[in-house]
Amino acid sequence: MPKKVLIVDDEVDAVEFVKEIAEDEGYTAIFAHDGPKGLEKMRQEKPDLVILDVQMPGMDGFEVFAEMKKDENLKNIPVIMLTGIKDKVGLRFSGEAMRDYLGHEPDDYIEKPIDPVRLKDSMKKILSA
C-alpha cells in the first residue's frame, strides 16, 4: 500500500505542484486548503506525512503544527513545513527557531519556491525511516 501524503496549503498551484511530485514518487496525495480542514483530514485519513504551508489565512501552519503536537493521534506524524516568508519579509525561519518557539520542530523545512529534488529527497528520507 502506498504511503499517504497530506498537503495543507491555501495556494492551489502549490498543492498541485507538490501533489504531482508526491504522486511521481508513488505516494498517494491528499490535500486540504486551510488549517482546520487539514487537521480534520489528518484525523480521518491518518497520513504518513504532512506537508504544511506556513502562511495561510485564519489558522497558519505554526498553529496547525502546534495543534498536531497536542493531539495524541497526530503528534507523531512527520511534518515538512513550506514557506515563502523569506521572499515576503526577508526573514528566514528554521526548525530550531520553531523548536524554541513551539517546543517541537518539523522533520524538515523547505523554502518556496520549492526545489522539486529537495522535496523528493526529503519525502523519501522521512517516509523510509
N, C-alpha and C. Protein backbone atom coordinates (compact mmCIF):
# COMPACT_ATOMS: atom_id res chain seq x y z
N MET A 1 0.84 -1.20 0.00
CA MET A 1 0.00 0.00 0.00
C MET A 1 0.88 1.25 0.00
N PRO A 2 0.62 2.20 -0.92
CA PRO A 2 1.48 3.39 -0.98
C PRO A 2 1.32 4.27 0.27
N LYS A 3 2.40 4.96 0.59
CA LYS A 3 2.37 5.91 1.71
C LYS A 3 1.47 7.08 1.33
N LYS A 4 0.79 7.63 2.36
CA LYS A 4 -0.16 8.72 2.14
C LYS A 4 0.44 10.05 2.60
N VAL A 5 0.42 11.04 1.70
CA VAL A 5 0.97 12.36 1.98
C VAL A 5 -0.18 13.38 1.95
N LEU A 6 -0.34 14.12 3.04
CA LEU A 6 -1.35 15.18 3.11
C LEU A 6 -0.66 16.52 2.88
N ILE A 7 -1.15 17.26 1.89
CA ILE A 7 -0.63 18.59 1.57
C ILE A 7 -1.64 19.61 2.09
N VAL A 8 -1.18 20.51 2.96
CA VAL A 8 -2.06 21.55 3.50
C VAL A 8 -1.50 22.90 3.08
N ASP A 9 -2.17 23.54 2.11
CA ASP A 9 -1.69 24.81 1.56
C ASP A 9 -2.89 25.53 0.95
N ASP A 10 -2.98 26.83 1.16
CA ASP A 10 -4.10 27.60 0.61
C ASP A 10 -3.88 27.96 -0.86
N GLU A 11 -2.68 27.79 -1.37
CA GLU A 11 -2.39 28.10 -2.78
C GLU A 11 -2.61 26.87 -3.64
N VAL A 12 -3.61 26.95 -4.52
CA VAL A 12 -3.97 25.81 -5.37
C VAL A 12 -2.79 25.35 -6.22
N ASP A 13 -2.02 26.29 -6.78
CA ASP A 13 -0.87 25.94 -7.62
C ASP A 13 0.18 25.17 -6.82
N ALA A 14 0.41 25.60 -5.59
CA ALA A 14 1.40 24.92 -4.74
C ALA A 14 0.94 23.49 -4.44
N VAL A 15 -0.35 23.33 -4.14
CA VAL A 15 -0.89 22.00 -3.87
C VAL A 15 -0.70 21.10 -5.08
N GLU A 16 -1.04 21.60 -6.26
CA GLU A 16 -0.90 20.80 -7.49
C GLU A 16 0.56 20.41 -7.73
N PHE A 17 1.48 21.35 -7.52
CA PHE A 17 2.90 21.10 -7.72
C PHE A 17 3.40 20.01 -6.78
N VAL A 18 3.09 20.13 -5.51
CA VAL A 18 3.54 19.15 -4.52
C VAL A 18 2.85 17.81 -4.75
N LYS A 19 1.56 17.84 -5.10
CA LYS A 19 0.79 16.61 -5.37
C LYS A 19 1.44 15.83 -6.52
N GLU A 20 1.82 16.54 -7.58
CA GLU A 20 2.47 15.90 -8.73
C GLU A 20 3.80 15.24 -8.32
N ILE A 21 4.58 15.95 -7.53
CA ILE A 21 5.86 15.40 -7.06
C ILE A 21 5.63 14.15 -6.22
N ALA A 22 4.68 14.23 -5.29
CA ALA A 22 4.39 13.08 -4.42
C ALA A 22 3.91 11.88 -5.23
N GLU A 23 3.00 12.12 -6.16
CA GLU A 23 2.46 11.02 -6.97
C GLU A 23 3.52 10.43 -7.90
N ASP A 24 4.42 11.28 -8.41
CA ASP A 24 5.54 10.78 -9.24
C ASP A 24 6.43 9.83 -8.45
N GLU A 25 6.48 10.03 -7.13
CA GLU A 25 7.29 9.17 -6.27
C GLU A 25 6.52 7.94 -5.80
N GLY A 26 5.26 7.81 -6.24
CA GLY A 26 4.47 6.63 -5.89
C GLY A 26 3.64 6.77 -4.63
N TYR A 27 3.56 7.97 -4.07
CA TYR A 27 2.78 8.20 -2.87
C TYR A 27 1.34 8.58 -3.25
N THR A 28 0.41 8.34 -2.35
CA THR A 28 -0.96 8.80 -2.52
C THR A 28 -1.03 10.20 -1.93
N ALA A 29 -1.45 11.17 -2.74
CA ALA A 29 -1.50 12.56 -2.28
C ALA A 29 -2.95 12.97 -2.01
N ILE A 30 -3.17 13.53 -0.83
CA ILE A 30 -4.47 14.10 -0.47
C ILE A 30 -4.19 15.54 -0.05
N PHE A 31 -5.20 16.38 0.00
CA PHE A 31 -4.92 17.78 0.31
C PHE A 31 -6.06 18.46 1.04
N ALA A 32 -5.70 19.60 1.64
CA ALA A 32 -6.66 20.49 2.29
C ALA A 32 -6.16 21.90 2.04
N HIS A 33 -7.10 22.84 1.90
CA HIS A 33 -6.71 24.21 1.56
C HIS A 33 -6.69 25.18 2.75
N ASP A 34 -6.87 24.66 3.97
CA ASP A 34 -6.71 25.52 5.14
C ASP A 34 -6.39 24.65 6.36
N GLY A 35 -5.98 25.32 7.43
CA GLY A 35 -5.56 24.61 8.63
C GLY A 35 -6.62 23.73 9.27
N PRO A 36 -7.82 24.25 9.54
CA PRO A 36 -8.84 23.42 10.17
C PRO A 36 -9.19 22.18 9.33
N LYS A 37 -9.32 22.36 8.01
CA LYS A 37 -9.61 21.21 7.15
C LYS A 37 -8.43 20.24 7.13
N GLY A 38 -7.22 20.79 7.22
CA GLY A 38 -6.03 19.94 7.27
C GLY A 38 -6.04 19.05 8.50
N LEU A 39 -6.37 19.62 9.66
CA LEU A 39 -6.44 18.84 10.90
C LEU A 39 -7.54 17.77 10.81
N GLU A 40 -8.67 18.16 10.21
CA GLU A 40 -9.78 17.22 10.03
C GLU A 40 -9.34 16.04 9.14
N LYS A 41 -8.66 16.36 8.03
CA LYS A 41 -8.18 15.31 7.12
C LYS A 41 -7.16 14.40 7.82
N MET A 42 -6.30 15.00 8.66
CA MET A 42 -5.31 14.20 9.39
C MET A 42 -6.02 13.16 10.26
N ARG A 43 -7.07 13.60 10.93
CA ARG A 43 -7.80 12.69 11.83
C ARG A 43 -8.53 11.61 11.04
N GLN A 44 -9.06 11.96 9.88
CA GLN A 44 -9.80 10.98 9.06
C GLN A 44 -8.87 10.04 8.31
N GLU A 45 -7.84 10.59 7.71
CA GLU A 45 -7.01 9.85 6.75
C GLU A 45 -5.75 9.21 7.33
N LYS A 46 -5.31 9.66 8.50
CA LYS A 46 -4.08 9.14 9.12
C LYS A 46 -2.91 9.10 8.13
N PRO A 47 -2.49 10.28 7.62
CA PRO A 47 -1.40 10.29 6.63
C PRO A 47 -0.06 9.87 7.24
N ASP A 48 0.85 9.43 6.36
CA ASP A 48 2.20 9.05 6.78
C ASP A 48 3.11 10.26 6.86
N LEU A 49 2.70 11.35 6.21
CA LEU A 49 3.49 12.58 6.17
C LEU A 49 2.55 13.75 5.91
N VAL A 50 2.82 14.89 6.55
CA VAL A 50 2.07 16.11 6.28
C VAL A 50 3.06 17.14 5.73
N ILE A 51 2.68 17.73 4.58
CA ILE A 51 3.46 18.84 4.01
C ILE A 51 2.61 20.08 4.25
N LEU A 52 3.12 20.97 5.09
CA LEU A 52 2.31 22.04 5.68
C LEU A 52 2.87 23.42 5.34
N ASP A 53 2.04 24.23 4.70
CA ASP A 53 2.43 25.61 4.39
C ASP A 53 2.36 26.44 5.67
N VAL A 54 3.27 27.40 5.79
CA VAL A 54 3.28 28.26 6.97
C VAL A 54 2.22 29.35 6.87
N GLN A 55 2.20 30.06 5.74
CA GLN A 55 1.32 31.23 5.63
C GLN A 55 -0.02 30.86 5.00
N MET A 56 -1.03 30.77 5.85
CA MET A 56 -2.40 30.51 5.40
C MET A 56 -3.31 31.43 6.19
N PRO A 57 -4.40 31.88 5.56
CA PRO A 57 -5.33 32.74 6.30
C PRO A 57 -6.05 31.95 7.39
N GLY A 58 -6.47 32.66 8.43
CA GLY A 58 -7.21 32.01 9.51
C GLY A 58 -6.29 31.30 10.48
N MET A 59 -5.93 30.07 10.15
CA MET A 59 -5.06 29.26 11.01
C MET A 59 -3.78 28.98 10.23
N ASP A 60 -2.67 29.56 10.67
CA ASP A 60 -1.42 29.36 9.93
C ASP A 60 -0.77 28.02 10.24
N GLY A 61 0.28 27.71 9.51
CA GLY A 61 0.96 26.43 9.67
C GLY A 61 1.55 26.21 11.05
N PHE A 62 2.01 27.28 11.69
CA PHE A 62 2.54 27.15 13.05
C PHE A 62 1.46 26.70 14.01
N GLU A 63 0.26 27.27 13.84
CA GLU A 63 -0.87 26.89 14.71
C GLU A 63 -1.30 25.45 14.46
N VAL A 64 -1.33 25.05 13.19
CA VAL A 64 -1.68 23.67 12.84
C VAL A 64 -0.65 22.72 13.46
N PHE A 65 0.63 23.06 13.30
CA PHE A 65 1.71 22.23 13.85
C PHE A 65 1.58 22.10 15.37
N ALA A 66 1.30 23.23 16.03
CA ALA A 66 1.13 23.22 17.50
C ALA A 66 -0.04 22.33 17.90
N GLU A 67 -1.16 22.41 17.15
CA GLU A 67 -2.33 21.57 17.44
C GLU A 67 -1.99 20.08 17.25
N MET A 68 -1.24 19.79 16.19
CA MET A 68 -0.84 18.39 15.95
C MET A 68 -0.07 17.84 17.15
N LYS A 69 0.86 18.63 17.66
CA LYS A 69 1.73 18.16 18.73
C LYS A 69 0.97 17.95 20.04
N LYS A 70 -0.21 18.60 20.19
CA LYS A 70 -1.04 18.43 21.40
C LYS A 70 -1.94 17.20 21.30
N ASP A 71 -2.13 16.68 20.09
CA ASP A 71 -3.08 15.60 19.84
C ASP A 71 -2.37 14.25 19.83
N GLU A 72 -2.75 13.37 20.73
CA GLU A 72 -2.14 12.04 20.86
C GLU A 72 -2.11 11.28 19.53
N ASN A 73 -3.16 11.44 18.70
CA ASN A 73 -3.26 10.69 17.45
C ASN A 73 -2.49 11.33 16.30
N LEU A 74 -2.07 12.58 16.46
CA LEU A 74 -1.41 13.29 15.36
C LEU A 74 0.04 13.64 15.65
N LYS A 75 0.43 13.62 16.92
CA LYS A 75 1.72 14.18 17.30
C LYS A 75 2.94 13.48 16.70
N ASN A 76 2.78 12.22 16.28
CA ASN A 76 3.93 11.50 15.73
C ASN A 76 3.98 11.48 14.20
N ILE A 77 3.04 12.18 13.56
CA ILE A 77 3.07 12.26 12.09
C ILE A 77 4.20 13.22 11.69
N PRO A 78 5.10 12.77 10.82
CA PRO A 78 6.18 13.67 10.39
C PRO A 78 5.63 14.85 9.59
N VAL A 79 6.32 15.99 9.68
CA VAL A 79 5.88 17.22 9.03
C VAL A 79 7.03 17.87 8.28
N ILE A 80 6.75 18.25 7.04
CA ILE A 80 7.64 19.13 6.28
C ILE A 80 6.93 20.47 6.19
N MET A 81 7.57 21.52 6.68
CA MET A 81 6.98 22.86 6.60
C MET A 81 7.49 23.54 5.33
N LEU A 82 6.57 24.24 4.63
CA LEU A 82 6.90 25.01 3.44
C LEU A 82 6.63 26.48 3.72
N THR A 83 7.53 27.34 3.25
CA THR A 83 7.25 28.77 3.42
C THR A 83 7.89 29.62 2.35
N GLY A 84 7.19 30.68 2.01
CA GLY A 84 7.72 31.68 1.11
C GLY A 84 7.94 32.98 1.87
N ILE A 85 8.00 32.88 3.19
CA ILE A 85 8.08 34.09 4.01
C ILE A 85 9.38 34.86 3.78
N LYS A 86 10.47 34.15 3.47
CA LYS A 86 11.75 34.83 3.25
C LYS A 86 11.61 35.84 2.11
N ASP A 87 10.91 35.44 1.03
CA ASP A 87 10.72 36.34 -0.11
C ASP A 87 9.85 37.53 0.26
N LYS A 88 8.90 37.33 1.19
CA LYS A 88 7.97 38.40 1.52
C LYS A 88 8.54 39.40 2.53
N VAL A 89 9.22 38.91 3.54
CA VAL A 89 9.68 39.82 4.60
C VAL A 89 11.18 39.77 4.85
N GLY A 90 11.88 38.92 4.12
CA GLY A 90 13.33 38.85 4.28
C GLY A 90 13.78 38.09 5.50
N LEU A 91 12.86 37.47 6.22
CA LEU A 91 13.23 36.67 7.39
C LEU A 91 13.33 35.21 7.01
N ARG A 92 14.14 34.50 7.70
CA ARG A 92 14.28 33.08 7.44
C ARG A 92 13.95 32.31 8.71
N PHE A 93 13.05 31.35 8.60
CA PHE A 93 12.72 30.50 9.74
C PHE A 93 13.59 29.27 9.70
N SER A 94 13.69 28.60 10.81
CA SER A 94 14.42 27.33 10.84
C SER A 94 13.68 26.40 11.79
N GLY A 95 13.99 25.11 11.66
CA GLY A 95 13.40 24.13 12.57
C GLY A 95 13.77 24.44 14.01
N GLU A 96 15.01 24.90 14.21
CA GLU A 96 15.47 25.22 15.57
C GLU A 96 14.66 26.37 16.15
N ALA A 97 14.39 27.38 15.33
CA ALA A 97 13.59 28.52 15.81
C ALA A 97 12.19 28.05 16.19
N MET A 98 11.63 27.14 15.40
CA MET A 98 10.30 26.60 15.73
C MET A 98 10.35 25.81 17.03
N ARG A 99 11.39 25.03 17.22
CA ARG A 99 11.51 24.25 18.47
C ARG A 99 11.58 25.20 19.65
N ASP A 100 12.34 26.28 19.52
CA ASP A 100 12.44 27.25 20.61
C ASP A 100 11.09 27.90 20.87
N TYR A 101 10.34 28.16 19.81
CA TYR A 101 9.06 28.86 19.93
C TYR A 101 7.92 27.93 20.34
N LEU A 102 7.85 26.73 19.74
CA LEU A 102 6.73 25.82 19.96
C LEU A 102 7.05 24.59 20.81
N GLY A 103 8.34 24.38 21.05
CA GLY A 103 8.73 23.21 21.83
C GLY A 103 8.96 21.97 20.97
N HIS A 104 8.70 22.06 19.67
CA HIS A 104 8.90 20.96 18.73
C HIS A 104 9.41 21.56 17.44
N GLU A 105 10.08 20.74 16.64
CA GLU A 105 10.46 21.23 15.33
C GLU A 105 10.00 20.26 14.26
N PRO A 106 9.74 20.77 13.05
CA PRO A 106 9.31 19.88 11.97
C PRO A 106 10.45 18.96 11.54
N ASP A 107 10.09 17.92 10.81
CA ASP A 107 11.10 16.99 10.32
C ASP A 107 11.96 17.63 9.23
N ASP A 108 11.40 18.59 8.52
CA ASP A 108 12.17 19.35 7.54
C ASP A 108 11.48 20.68 7.31
N TYR A 109 12.23 21.60 6.73
CA TYR A 109 11.75 22.95 6.48
C TYR A 109 12.25 23.35 5.11
N ILE A 110 11.34 23.63 4.17
CA ILE A 110 11.72 23.92 2.79
C ILE A 110 11.15 25.27 2.38
N GLU A 111 12.03 26.11 1.81
CA GLU A 111 11.61 27.43 1.34
C GLU A 111 10.91 27.32 -0.01
N LYS A 112 9.93 28.21 -0.23
CA LYS A 112 9.32 28.37 -1.55
C LYS A 112 10.13 29.43 -2.29
N PRO A 113 10.28 29.38 -3.59
CA PRO A 113 9.77 28.35 -4.48
C PRO A 113 10.42 27.00 -4.18
N ILE A 114 9.62 25.97 -4.25
CA ILE A 114 10.05 24.63 -3.86
C ILE A 114 10.98 24.02 -4.90
N ASP A 115 12.11 23.54 -4.43
CA ASP A 115 13.02 22.78 -5.28
C ASP A 115 12.50 21.35 -5.29
N PRO A 116 12.03 20.85 -6.47
CA PRO A 116 11.42 19.52 -6.52
C PRO A 116 12.36 18.40 -6.08
N VAL A 117 13.64 18.51 -6.40
CA VAL A 117 14.60 17.47 -6.00
C VAL A 117 14.75 17.46 -4.48
N ARG A 118 14.83 18.65 -3.90
CA ARG A 118 14.96 18.76 -2.43
C ARG A 118 13.73 18.17 -1.75
N LEU A 119 12.52 18.46 -2.28
CA LEU A 119 11.30 17.93 -1.70
C LEU A 119 11.24 16.41 -1.84
N LYS A 120 11.57 15.89 -3.02
CA LYS A 120 11.58 14.43 -3.24
C LYS A 120 12.53 13.74 -2.26
N ASP A 121 13.73 14.30 -2.13
CA ASP A 121 14.73 13.71 -1.22
C ASP A 121 14.23 13.71 0.21
N SER A 122 13.61 14.82 0.62
CA SER A 122 13.10 14.92 1.98
C SER A 122 11.97 13.91 2.22
N MET A 123 11.04 13.80 1.26
CA MET A 123 9.93 12.84 1.42
C MET A 123 10.49 11.41 1.51
N LYS A 124 11.42 11.07 0.64
CA LYS A 124 12.00 9.71 0.65
C LYS A 124 12.67 9.41 1.98
N LYS A 125 13.47 10.37 2.44
CA LYS A 125 14.21 10.19 3.71
C LYS A 125 13.22 9.96 4.87
N ILE A 126 12.21 10.80 4.96
CA ILE A 126 11.25 10.72 6.06
C ILE A 126 10.39 9.45 5.96
N LEU A 127 9.91 9.16 4.77
CA LEU A 127 8.98 8.03 4.62
C LEU A 127 9.68 6.67 4.61
N SER A 128 10.98 6.65 4.45
CA SER A 128 11.68 5.36 4.51
C SER A 128 12.25 5.09 5.90
N ALA A 129 12.15 6.09 6.79
CA ALA A 129 12.69 5.94 8.15
C ALA A 129 11.87 4.95 8.95
